[in-house]
């Protein structure tokens, strides 16, 4: 059976990761079934217009998952974080519970392969210090327990978040609790999608594998300088203290504080051997990310 005859269920299909995965799989010739809580949304309509089947459902509703995964060859699993400040900050068991339900539904439907998106840091020394990583680890264990052959992806910081998150670029400056010389690995959402597509195309080779994903690794001052050089304007690095971040999000303050003391190293060259098109931040900014970069600075100039 060719890829054009196989269906991949993509959860979070109208979000950043799921949307990128759906687009990549459609481009590669797969049938894509996108799961969303709101099939009538503009993003869901755009996904349908791109060629995907769109179905309604909720990751915490097993019956809707059973319907969504019926007949699917594979499943892409991504879950909103169950941590303070996230959409499920009031329900810290949500991520593990929904991963378990999705894994069970995939197993019952006979899915051949599941790709689960988690986070860098799971299984490492940072996990005991960061609540978010503990929730991600619980979800990973639920996927393992499902018995479905699977690949785990552990992305680092999203390149996209630099230009559409209130926590990074502020008034044209890179504002961060991370120290000037703290390295921060980055990955493009499209490259997360590329690794998911690679795993679905050759599930036997990638079953049981865990990939920590990054395409670039920059200090904060290097990142600010790179952005400034690409856009042709000064983008200063501005360090802030932990109290300023903690007032808005204690969990973020704790996470970034830990990163100042523990470098997250990723073997980028090994990843590039699997996916030669892996993007650096500069390549992303001047390529597929350019519309987001241009929109940020155009908005800044209008302010």
C-alpha atoms as a PDB file:
ATOM      1  CA  UNK A   1       0.000   0.000   0.000  1.00  0.00           C
ATOM      2  CA  UNK A   2       1.452   3.380  -1.013  1.00  0.00           C
ATOM      3  CA  UNK A   3       1.560   6.503   1.160  1.00  0.00           C
ATOM      4  CA  UNK A   4      -1.302   7.950  -0.865  1.00  0.00           C
ATOM      5  CA  UNK A   5      -3.497   5.137   0.429  1.00  0.00           C
ATOM      6  CA  UNK A   6      -2.442   5.455   4.091  1.00  0.00           C
ATOM      7  CA  UNK A   7      -3.963   7.822   6.621  1.00  0.00           C
ATOM      8  CA  UNK A   8      -2.116   9.595   9.412  1.00  0.00           C
ATOM      9  CA  UNK A   9      -4.203  11.032  12.242  1.00  0.00           C
ATOM     10  CA  UNK A  10      -2.666  14.344  13.299  1.00  0.00           C
ATOM     11  CA  UNK A  11      -3.684  15.687  16.692  1.00  0.00           C
ATOM     12  CA  UNK A  12      -3.401  19.408  17.329  1.00  0.00           C
ATOM     13  CA  UNK A  13      -3.813  19.795  13.577  1.00  0.00           C
ATOM     14  CA  UNK A  14      -4.676  23.502  13.767  1.00  0.00           C
ATOM     15  CA  UNK A  15      -1.774  24.287  16.111  1.00  0.00           C
ATOM     16  CA  UNK A  16       1.878  25.043  15.445  1.00  0.00           C
ATOM     17  CA  UNK A  17       3.336  21.529  15.550  1.00  0.00           C
ATOM     18  CA  UNK A  18       0.307  19.614  14.334  1.00  0.00           C
ATOM     19  CA  UNK A  19      -0.284  22.115  11.544  1.00  0.00           C
ATOM     20  CA  UNK A  20       3.303  21.798  10.346  1.00  0.00           C
ATOM     21  CA  UNK A  21       3.091  17.996  10.465  1.00  0.00           C
ATOM     22  CA  UNK A  22      -0.194  17.962   8.550  1.00  0.00           C
ATOM     23  CA  UNK A  23       1.261  20.222   5.853  1.00  0.00           C
ATOM     24  CA  UNK A  24       4.414  18.117   5.513  1.00  0.00           C
ATOM     25  CA  UNK A  25       2.513  14.832   5.295  1.00  0.00           C
ATOM     26  CA  UNK A  26       0.124  16.230   2.690  1.00  0.00           C
ATOM     27  CA  UNK A  27       3.104  17.433   0.655  1.00  0.00           C
ATOM     28  CA  UNK A  28       4.624  13.948   0.904  1.00  0.00           C
ATOM     29  CA  UNK A  29       1.455  12.341  -0.438  1.00  0.00           C
ATOM     30  CA  UNK A  30      -0.106  10.918   2.715  1.00  0.00           C
ATOM     31  CA  UNK A  31      -3.782  11.076   3.529  1.00  0.00           C
ATOM     32  CA  UNK A  32      -4.132  13.318   6.558  1.00  0.00           C
ATOM     33  CA  UNK A  33      -6.953  13.287   9.084  1.00  0.00           C
ATOM     34  CA  UNK A  34      -6.716  16.334  11.340  1.00  0.00           C
ATOM     35  CA  UNK A  35      -8.178  16.197  14.836  1.00  0.00           C
ATOM     36  CA  UNK A  36      -9.444  19.465  16.266  1.00  0.00           C
ATOM     37  CA  UNK A  37     -11.859  20.504  18.980  1.00  0.00           C
ATOM     38  CA  UNK A  38     -13.426  23.057  16.614  1.00  0.00           C
ATOM     39  CA  UNK A  39     -13.901  21.743  13.061  1.00  0.00           C
ATOM     40  CA  UNK A  40     -15.679  24.966  12.143  1.00  0.00           C
ATOM     41  CA  UNK A  41     -12.743  27.265  12.868  1.00  0.00           C
ATOM     42  CA  UNK A  42     -10.936  29.226  10.164  1.00  0.00           C
ATOM     43  CA  UNK A  43      -7.779  27.156  10.693  1.00  0.00           C
ATOM     44  CA  UNK A  44      -9.748  23.923  10.374  1.00  0.00           C
ATOM     45  CA  UNK A  45     -11.320  25.178   7.145  1.00  0.00           C
ATOM     46  CA  UNK A  46      -7.879  26.070   5.780  1.00  0.00           C
ATOM     47  CA  UNK A  47      -6.649  22.584   6.658  1.00  0.00           C
ATOM     48  CA  UNK A  48      -9.589  21.027   4.840  1.00  0.00           C
ATOM     49  CA  UNK A  49      -8.995  23.264   1.821  1.00  0.00           C
ATOM     50  CA  UNK A  50      -5.367  22.034   1.786  1.00  0.00           C
ATOM     51  CA  UNK A  51      -6.615  18.475   1.309  1.00  0.00           C
ATOM     52  CA  UNK A  52      -6.950  17.055   4.799  1.00  0.00           C
ATOM     53  CA  UNK A  53      -9.951  15.347   6.303  1.00  0.00           C
ATOM     54  CA  UNK A  54     -10.962  17.275   9.425  1.00  0.00           C
ATOM     55  CA  UNK A  55     -12.687  15.566  12.337  1.00  0.00           C
ATOM     56  CA  UNK A  56     -13.871  16.873  15.673  1.00  0.00           C
ATOM     57  CA  UNK A  57     -12.678  15.370  18.909  1.00  0.00           C
ATOM     58  CA  UNK A  58     -10.942  15.882  22.201  1.00  0.00           C
ATOM     59  CA  UNK A  59      -7.803  14.173  23.505  1.00  0.00           C
ATOM     60  CA  UNK A  60      -9.559  13.585  26.815  1.00  0.00           C
ATOM     61  CA  UNK A  61     -12.561  11.903  25.125  1.00  0.00           C
ATOM     62  CA  UNK A  62     -11.742   8.275  24.332  1.00  0.00           C
ATOM     63  CA  UNK A  63     -14.846   7.729  22.207  1.00  0.00           C
ATOM     64  CA  UNK A  64     -13.921  10.621  19.898  1.00  0.00           C
ATOM     65  CA  UNK A  65     -10.356   9.285  19.648  1.00  0.00           C
ATOM     66  CA  UNK A  66     -11.597   5.801  18.714  1.00  0.00           C
ATOM     67  CA  UNK A  67     -13.631   7.320  15.895  1.00  0.00           C
ATOM     68  CA  UNK A  68     -10.774   9.546  14.730  1.00  0.00           C
ATOM     69  CA  UNK A  69      -8.107   6.834  14.607  1.00  0.00           C
ATOM     70  CA  UNK A  70     -10.232   4.181  12.879  1.00  0.00           C
ATOM     71  CA  UNK A  71      -8.353   2.848   9.853  1.00  0.00           C
ATOM     72  CA  UNK A  72      -5.311   5.050  10.404  1.00  0.00           C
ATOM     73  CA  UNK A  73      -1.831   3.805   9.577  1.00  0.00           C
ATOM     74  CA  UNK A  74      -0.184   6.222  11.996  1.00  0.00           C
ATOM     75  CA  UNK A  75      -0.819   8.845  14.656  1.00  0.00           C
ATOM     76  CA  UNK A  76       0.977  12.095  15.429  1.00  0.00           C
ATOM     77  CA  UNK A  77       0.574  12.873  19.107  1.00  0.00           C
ATOM     78  CA  UNK A  78       1.078  16.340  20.575  1.00  0.00           C
ATOM     79  CA  UNK A  79      -0.447  17.609  23.804  1.00  0.00           C
ATOM     80  CA  UNK A  80      -0.907  21.032  25.345  1.00  0.00           C
ATOM     81  CA  UNK A  81       1.256  21.310  28.439  1.00  0.00           C
ATOM     82  CA  UNK A  82      -0.311  20.578  31.816  1.00  0.00           C
ATOM     83  CA  UNK A  83       1.696  23.112  33.800  1.00  0.00           C
ATOM     84  CA  UNK A  84       1.194  26.428  35.550  1.00  0.00           C
ATOM     85  CA  UNK A  85       0.389  29.095  32.991  1.00  0.00           C
ATOM     86  CA  UNK A  86      -0.640  26.565  30.338  1.00  0.00           C
ATOM     87  CA  UNK A  87      -4.166  25.770  29.177  1.00  0.00           C
ATOM     88  CA  UNK A  88      -4.340  22.847  31.599  1.00  0.00           C
ATOM     89  CA  UNK A  89      -2.629  24.456  34.555  1.00  0.00           C
ATOM     90  CA  UNK A  90      -5.711  23.575  36.592  1.00  0.00           C
ATOM     91  CA  UNK A  91      -5.462  19.883  35.622  1.00  0.00           C
ATOM     92  CA  UNK A  92      -1.878  18.649  35.905  1.00  0.00           C
ATOM     93  CA  UNK A  93      -2.873  15.075  35.066  1.00  0.00           C
ATOM     94  CA  UNK A  94      -4.318  16.046  31.695  1.00  0.00           C
ATOM     95  CA  UNK A  95      -1.233  15.431  29.590  1.00  0.00           C
ATOM     96  CA  UNK A  96      -0.590  11.927  30.916  1.00  0.00           C
ATOM     97  CA  UNK A  97      -4.278  11.017  30.794  1.00  0.00           C
ATOM     98  CA  UNK A  98      -4.810  12.217  27.230  1.00  0.00           C
ATOM     99  CA  UNK A  99      -1.609  10.521  26.023  1.00  0.00           C
ATOM    100  CA  UNK A 100      -2.802   7.264  27.589  1.00  0.00           C
ATOM    101  CA  UNK A 101      -6.201   7.547  25.916  1.00  0.00           C
ATOM    102  CA  UNK A 102      -4.694   8.325  22.516  1.00  0.00           C
ATOM    103  CA  UNK A 103      -2.199   5.475  22.822  1.00  0.00           C
ATOM    104  CA  UNK A 104      -4.949   3.053  23.807  1.00  0.00           C
ATOM    105  CA  UNK A 105      -7.135   4.165  20.905  1.00  0.00           C
ATOM    106  CA  UNK A 106      -4.224   3.778  18.469  1.00  0.00           C
ATOM    107  CA  UNK A 107      -3.490   0.297  19.812  1.00  0.00           C
ATOM    108  CA  UNK A 108      -7.118  -0.778  19.566  1.00  0.00           C
ATOM    109  CA  UNK A 109      -7.333   0.499  15.986  1.00  0.00           C
ATOM    110  CA  UNK A 110      -4.184  -1.357  14.944  1.00  0.00           C
ATOM    111  CA  UNK A 111      -2.133   1.724  14.081  1.00  0.00           C
ATOM    112  CA  UNK A 112       1.305   0.741  12.770  1.00  0.00           C
ATOM    113  CA  UNK A 113       3.256   3.678  14.218  1.00  0.00           C
ATOM    114  CA  UNK A 114       2.843   6.632  16.546  1.00  0.00           C
ATOM    115  CA  UNK A 115       5.062   9.715  16.698  1.00  0.00           C
ATOM    116  CA  UNK A 116       4.831  11.570  19.992  1.00  0.00           C
ATOM    117  CA  UNK A 117       6.115  15.112  20.501  1.00  0.00           C
ATOM    118  CA  UNK A 118       7.489  15.745  23.977  1.00  0.00           C
ATOM    119  CA  UNK A 119      10.260  18.127  25.115  1.00  0.00           C
ATOM    120  CA  UNK A 120      14.015  18.390  25.408  1.00  0.00           C
ATOM    121  CA  UNK A 121      15.127  17.640  28.964  1.00  0.00           C
ATOM    122  CA  UNK A 122      12.903  14.650  29.645  1.00  0.00           C
ATOM    123  CA  UNK A 123      14.994  11.826  31.031  1.00  0.00           C
ATOM    124  CA  UNK A 124      17.876  14.137  31.896  1.00  0.00           C
ATOM    125  CA  UNK A 125      19.112  15.954  34.998  1.00  0.00           C
ATOM    126  CA  UNK A 126      16.748  18.878  34.451  1.00  0.00           C
ATOM    127  CA  UNK A 127      13.610  16.787  34.813  1.00  0.00           C
ATOM    128  CA  UNK A 128      13.669  16.757  38.624  1.00  0.00           C
ATOM    129  CA  UNK A 129      13.891  20.568  38.684  1.00  0.00           C
ATOM    130  CA  UNK A 130      11.187  21.410  36.136  1.00  0.00           C
ATOM    131  CA  UNK A 131       7.505  20.642  36.647  1.00  0.00           C
ATOM    132  CA  UNK A 132       6.771  20.887  32.927  1.00  0.00           C
ATOM    133  CA  UNK A 133       9.315  18.162  32.143  1.00  0.00           C
ATOM    134  CA  UNK A 134       7.798  15.894  34.787  1.00  0.00           C
ATOM    135  CA  UNK A 135       4.406  16.187  33.074  1.00  0.00           C
ATOM    136  CA  UNK A 136       6.041  15.478  29.691  1.00  0.00           C
ATOM    137  CA  UNK A 137       7.790  12.431  31.159  1.00  0.00           C
ATOM    138  CA  UNK A 138       4.463  11.104  32.456  1.00  0.00           C
ATOM    139  CA  UNK A 139       2.976  11.439  28.983  1.00  0.00           C
ATOM    140  CA  UNK A 140       5.950   9.644  27.426  1.00  0.00           C
ATOM    141  CA  UNK A 141       5.519   6.766  29.872  1.00  0.00           C
ATOM    142  CA  UNK A 142       1.852   6.548  28.905  1.00  0.00           C
ATOM    143  CA  UNK A 143       2.807   6.269  25.237  1.00  0.00           C
ATOM    144  CA  UNK A 144       5.372   3.559  26.051  1.00  0.00           C
ATOM    145  CA  UNK A 145       2.739   1.652  28.040  1.00  0.00           C
ATOM    146  CA  UNK A 146       0.289   1.700  25.126  1.00  0.00           C
ATOM    147  CA  UNK A 147       2.262  -0.948  23.279  1.00  0.00           C
ATOM    148  CA  UNK A 148       2.069   0.905  19.948  1.00  0.00           C
ATOM    149  CA  UNK A 149       5.414   1.082  18.102  1.00  0.00           C
ATOM    150  CA  UNK A 150       6.482   4.683  18.408  1.00  0.00           C
ATOM    151  CA  UNK A 151       9.097   7.394  17.974  1.00  0.00           C
ATOM    152  CA  UNK A 152       9.598  10.163  20.530  1.00  0.00           C
ATOM    153  CA  UNK A 153      10.519  13.678  19.380  1.00  0.00           C
ATOM    154  CA  UNK A 154      11.882  16.105  21.978  1.00  0.00           C
ATOM    155  CA  UNK A 155      11.947  19.599  20.475  1.00  0.00           C
ATOM    156  CA  UNK A 156      13.941  22.490  21.915  1.00  0.00           C
ATOM    157  CA  UNK A 157      12.885  26.172  21.790  1.00  0.00           C
ATOM    158  CA  UNK A 158      10.773  26.978  18.740  1.00  0.00           C
ATOM    159  CA  UNK A 159      12.318  29.461  16.329  1.00  0.00           C
ATOM    160  CA  UNK A 160       8.820  30.820  15.711  1.00  0.00           C
ATOM    161  CA  UNK A 161       8.408  31.785  19.363  1.00  0.00           C
ATOM    162  CA  UNK A 162      11.159  34.385  19.058  1.00  0.00           C
ATOM    163  CA  UNK A 163       8.850  36.496  16.911  1.00  0.00           C
ATOM    164  CA  UNK A 164       5.392  35.841  18.313  1.00  0.00           C
ATOM    165  CA  UNK A 165       5.903  35.329  22.040  1.00  0.00           C
ATOM    166  CA  UNK A 166       5.642  38.205  24.499  1.00  0.00           C
ATOM    167  CA  UNK A 167       8.509  36.632  26.456  1.00  0.00           C
ATOM    168  CA  UNK A 168      11.247  37.132  23.853  1.00  0.00           C
ATOM    169  CA  UNK A 169      11.414  40.118  21.502  1.00  0.00           C
ATOM    170  CA  UNK A 170       9.975  43.171  23.265  1.00  0.00           C
ATOM    171  CA  UNK A 171      10.001  46.563  21.557  1.00  0.00           C
ATOM    172  CA  UNK A 172      12.730  45.346  19.238  1.00  0.00           C
ATOM    173  CA  UNK A 173      15.037  44.029  21.973  1.00  0.00           C
ATOM    174  CA  UNK A 174      15.742  40.429  22.965  1.00  0.00           C
ATOM    175  CA  UNK A 175      14.561  40.472  26.576  1.00  0.00           C
ATOM    176  CA  UNK A 176      15.411  37.366  28.570  1.00  0.00           C
ATOM    177  CA  UNK A 177      16.095  35.914  31.982  1.00  0.00           C
ATOM    178  CA  UNK A 178      18.650  33.733  30.227  1.00  0.00           C
ATOM    179  CA  UNK A 179      22.136  35.117  30.757  1.00  0.00           C
ATOM    180  CA  UNK A 180      23.983  36.749  27.865  1.00  0.00           C
ATOM    181  CA  UNK A 181      26.284  33.739  27.495  1.00  0.00           C
ATOM    182  CA  UNK A 182      23.616  31.054  28.058  1.00  0.00           C
ATOM    183  CA  UNK A 183      23.264  28.756  25.051  1.00  0.00           C
ATOM    184  CA  UNK A 184      19.744  27.979  23.867  1.00  0.00           C
ATOM    185  CA  UNK A 185      19.066  25.326  21.207  1.00  0.00           C
ATOM    186  CA  UNK A 186      16.321  26.086  18.663  1.00  0.00           C
ATOM    187  CA  UNK A 187      14.216  24.096  16.204  1.00  0.00           C
ATOM    188  CA  UNK A 188      11.819  25.126  13.437  1.00  0.00           C
ATOM    189  CA  UNK A 189       8.317  23.647  13.533  1.00  0.00           C
ATOM    190  CA  UNK A 190       8.824  22.529   9.930  1.00  0.00           C
ATOM    191  CA  UNK A 191      11.812  20.447  11.032  1.00  0.00           C
ATOM    192  CA  UNK A 192       9.780  18.793  13.763  1.00  0.00           C
ATOM    193  CA  UNK A 193       7.359  17.915  10.977  1.00  0.00           C
ATOM    194  CA  UNK A 194      10.210  16.605   8.831  1.00  0.00           C
ATOM    195  CA  UNK A 195      11.318  14.165  11.532  1.00  0.00           C
ATOM    196  CA  UNK A 196       7.736  13.006  12.039  1.00  0.00           C
ATOM    197  CA  UNK A 197       7.423  12.367   8.290  1.00  0.00           C
ATOM    198  CA  UNK A 198      10.736  10.502   8.240  1.00  0.00           C
ATOM    199  CA  UNK A 199       9.540   8.218  11.048  1.00  0.00           C
ATOM    200  CA  UNK A 200       6.206   7.487   9.365  1.00  0.00           C
ATOM    201  CA  UNK A 201       7.919   6.736   6.042  1.00  0.00           C
ATOM    202  CA  UNK A 202      10.205   4.125   7.636  1.00  0.00           C
ATOM    203  CA  UNK A 203       8.631   3.080  10.947  1.00  0.00           C
ATOM    204  CA  UNK A 204      10.780  -0.008  11.419  1.00  0.00           C
ATOM    205  CA  UNK A 205      13.981   2.041  11.387  1.00  0.00           C
ATOM    206  CA  UNK A 206      12.671   4.653  13.805  1.00  0.00           C
ATOM    207  CA  UNK A 207      10.590   2.586  16.224  1.00  0.00           C
ATOM    208  CA  UNK A 208      11.881   2.968  19.766  1.00  0.00           C
ATOM    209  CA  UNK A 209      14.071   5.941  18.837  1.00  0.00           C
ATOM    210  CA  UNK A 210      14.161   9.236  20.726  1.00  0.00           C
ATOM    211  CA  UNK A 211      15.308  12.349  18.870  1.00  0.00           C
ATOM    212  CA  UNK A 212      16.208  15.544  20.712  1.00  0.00           C
ATOM    213  CA  UNK A 213      15.653  18.185  18.069  1.00  0.00           C
ATOM    214  CA  UNK A 214      17.589  21.369  17.369  1.00  0.00           C
ATOM    215  CA  UNK A 215      18.905  23.032  14.247  1.00  0.00           C
ATOM    216  CA  UNK A 216      20.898  25.765  15.952  1.00  0.00           C
ATOM    217  CA  UNK A 217      22.432  26.526  19.351  1.00  0.00           C
ATOM    218  CA  UNK A 218      23.128  30.161  20.179  1.00  0.00           C
ATOM    219  CA  UNK A 219      23.986  32.324  23.165  1.00  0.00           C
ATOM    220  CA  UNK A 220      21.575  35.167  23.830  1.00  0.00           C
ATOM    221  CA  UNK A 221      23.986  37.834  22.623  1.00  0.00           C
ATOM    222  CA  UNK A 222      24.749  35.842  19.475  1.00  0.00           C
ATOM    223  CA  UNK A 223      21.032  35.389  18.871  1.00  0.00           C
ATOM    224  CA  UNK A 224      20.346  39.115  19.244  1.00  0.00           C
ATOM    225  CA  UNK A 225      23.264  39.963  16.936  1.00  0.00           C
ATOM    226  CA  UNK A 226      22.063  37.470  14.321  1.00  0.00           C
ATOM    227  CA  UNK A 227      18.532  38.854  14.325  1.00  0.00           C
ATOM    228  CA  UNK A 228      19.879  42.401  14.011  1.00  0.00           C
ATOM    229  CA  UNK A 229      22.149  41.482  11.129  1.00  0.00           C
ATOM    230  CA  UNK A 230      19.390  39.706   9.225  1.00  0.00           C
ATOM    231  CA  UNK A 231      16.820  42.488   9.632  1.00  0.00           C
ATOM    232  CA  UNK A 232      19.297  45.344   9.287  1.00  0.00           C
ATOM    233  CA  UNK A 233      18.704  47.075  12.590  1.00  0.00           C
ATOM    234  CA  UNK A 234      20.097  47.006  16.094  1.00  0.00           C
ATOM    235  CA  UNK A 235      18.504  44.338  18.281  1.00  0.00           C
ATOM    236  CA  UNK A 236      20.040  44.589  21.751  1.00  0.00           C
ATOM    237  CA  UNK A 237      20.077  41.839  24.345  1.00  0.00           C
ATOM    238  CA  UNK A 238      18.450  42.978  27.606  1.00  0.00           C
ATOM    239  CA  UNK A 239      18.841  40.764  30.650  1.00  0.00           C
ATOM    240  CA  UNK A 240      16.115  40.811  33.297  1.00  0.00           C
ATOM    241  CA  UNK A 241      15.999  39.348  36.784  1.00  0.00           C
ATOM    242  CA  UNK A 242      14.024  36.387  38.019  1.00  0.00           C
ATOM    243  CA  UNK A 243      11.530  38.472  39.985  1.00  0.00           C
ATOM    244  CA  UNK A 244      10.308  40.194  36.826  1.00  0.00           C
ATOM    245  CA  UNK A 245       9.512  36.875  35.171  1.00  0.00           C
ATOM    246  CA  UNK A 246       8.163  35.172  38.291  1.00  0.00           C
ATOM    247  CA  UNK A 247       5.542  37.882  38.720  1.00  0.00           C
ATOM    248  CA  UNK A 248       3.969  36.728  35.455  1.00  0.00           C
ATOM    249  CA  UNK A 249       4.871  33.029  35.426  1.00  0.00           C
ATOM    250  CA  UNK A 250       6.669  31.287  38.311  1.00  0.00           C
ATOM    251  CA  UNK A 251       7.142  28.115  36.262  1.00  0.00           C
ATOM    252  CA  UNK A 252       8.828  30.007  33.419  1.00  0.00           C
ATOM    253  CA  UNK A 253      11.111  31.801  35.857  1.00  0.00           C
ATOM    254  CA  UNK A 254      12.106  28.508  37.410  1.00  0.00           C
ATOM    255  CA  UNK A 255      12.717  26.864  34.035  1.00  0.00           C
ATOM    256  CA  UNK A 256      14.854  29.664  32.637  1.00  0.00           C
ATOM    257  CA  UNK A 257      16.805  29.926  35.868  1.00  0.00           C
ATOM    258  CA  UNK A 258      17.696  26.250  35.639  1.00  0.00           C
ATOM    259  CA  UNK A 259      18.797  26.676  32.015  1.00  0.00           C
ATOM    260  CA  UNK A 260      21.315  29.315  33.081  1.00  0.00           C
ATOM    261  CA  UNK A 261      23.063  26.652  35.158  1.00  0.00           C
ATOM    262  CA  UNK A 262      22.614  23.567  32.961  1.00  0.00           C
ATOM    263  CA  UNK A 263      23.372  23.634  29.248  1.00  0.00           C
ATOM    264  CA  UNK A 264      21.132  21.513  27.027  1.00  0.00           C
ATOM    265  CA  UNK A 265      23.404  19.988  24.401  1.00  0.00           C
ATOM    266  CA  UNK A 266      21.987  18.514  21.197  1.00  0.00           C
ATOM    267  CA  UNK A 267      23.927  16.572  18.556  1.00  0.00           C
ATOM    268  CA  UNK A 268      22.863  18.719  15.626  1.00  0.00           C
ATOM    269  CA  UNK A 269      25.213  17.090  13.137  1.00  0.00           C
ATOM    270  CA  UNK A 270      23.772  13.650  13.894  1.00  0.00           C
ATOM    271  CA  UNK A 271      20.292  15.053  13.263  1.00  0.00           C
ATOM    272  CA  UNK A 272      21.442  16.637  10.014  1.00  0.00           C
ATOM    273  CA  UNK A 273      22.670  13.224   8.832  1.00  0.00           C
ATOM    274  CA  UNK A 274      19.066  12.018   9.133  1.00  0.00           C
ATOM    275  CA  UNK A 275      17.506  15.228   7.810  1.00  0.00           C
ATOM    276  CA  UNK A 276      20.008  17.176   5.669  1.00  0.00           C
ATOM    277  CA  UNK A 277      17.614  20.105   5.320  1.00  0.00           C
ATOM    278  CA  UNK A 278      17.687  20.901   9.046  1.00  0.00           C
ATOM    279  CA  UNK A 279      17.505  24.690   9.390  1.00  0.00           C
ATOM    280  CA  UNK A 280      19.694  27.090  11.319  1.00  0.00           C
ATOM    281  CA  UNK A 281      17.977  30.147  12.792  1.00  0.00           C
ATOM    282  CA  UNK A 282      19.391  32.333  10.036  1.00  0.00           C
ATOM    283  CA  UNK A 283      18.181  29.971   7.327  1.00  0.00           C
ATOM    284  CA  UNK A 284      14.741  29.900   8.915  1.00  0.00           C
ATOM    285  CA  UNK A 285      14.605  33.710   9.244  1.00  0.00           C
ATOM    286  CA  UNK A 286      15.554  34.267   5.614  1.00  0.00           C
ATOM    287  CA  UNK A 287      13.415  31.398   4.309  1.00  0.00           C
ATOM    288  CA  UNK A 288      10.156  29.935   5.553  1.00  0.00           C
ATOM    289  CA  UNK A 289      10.159  32.113   8.673  1.00  0.00           C
ATOM    290  CA  UNK A 290      10.615  35.411   6.820  1.00  0.00           C
ATOM    291  CA  UNK A 291       6.894  36.322   6.773  1.00  0.00           C
ATOM    292  CA  UNK A 292       6.746  35.995  10.573  1.00  0.00           C
ATOM    293  CA  UNK A 293       9.949  38.005  11.007  1.00  0.00           C
ATOM    294  CA  UNK A 294       8.739  40.733   8.625  1.00  0.00           C
ATOM    295  CA  UNK A 295       5.329  40.878  10.328  1.00  0.00           C
ATOM    296  CA  UNK A 296       6.921  41.381  13.741  1.00  0.00           C
ATOM    297  CA  UNK A 297       9.093  44.299  12.680  1.00  0.00           C
ATOM    298  CA  UNK A 298       6.342  45.847  10.549  1.00  0.00           C
ATOM    299  CA  UNK A 299       4.074  45.841  13.604  1.00  0.00           C
ATOM    300  CA  UNK A 300       6.887  47.359  15.660  1.00  0.00           C
ATOM    301  CA  UNK A 301       7.330  50.155  13.129  1.00  0.00           C
ATOM    302  CA  UNK A 302       3.592  50.925  13.162  1.00  0.00           C
ATOM    303  CA  UNK A 303       3.485  51.204  16.941  1.00  0.00           C
END
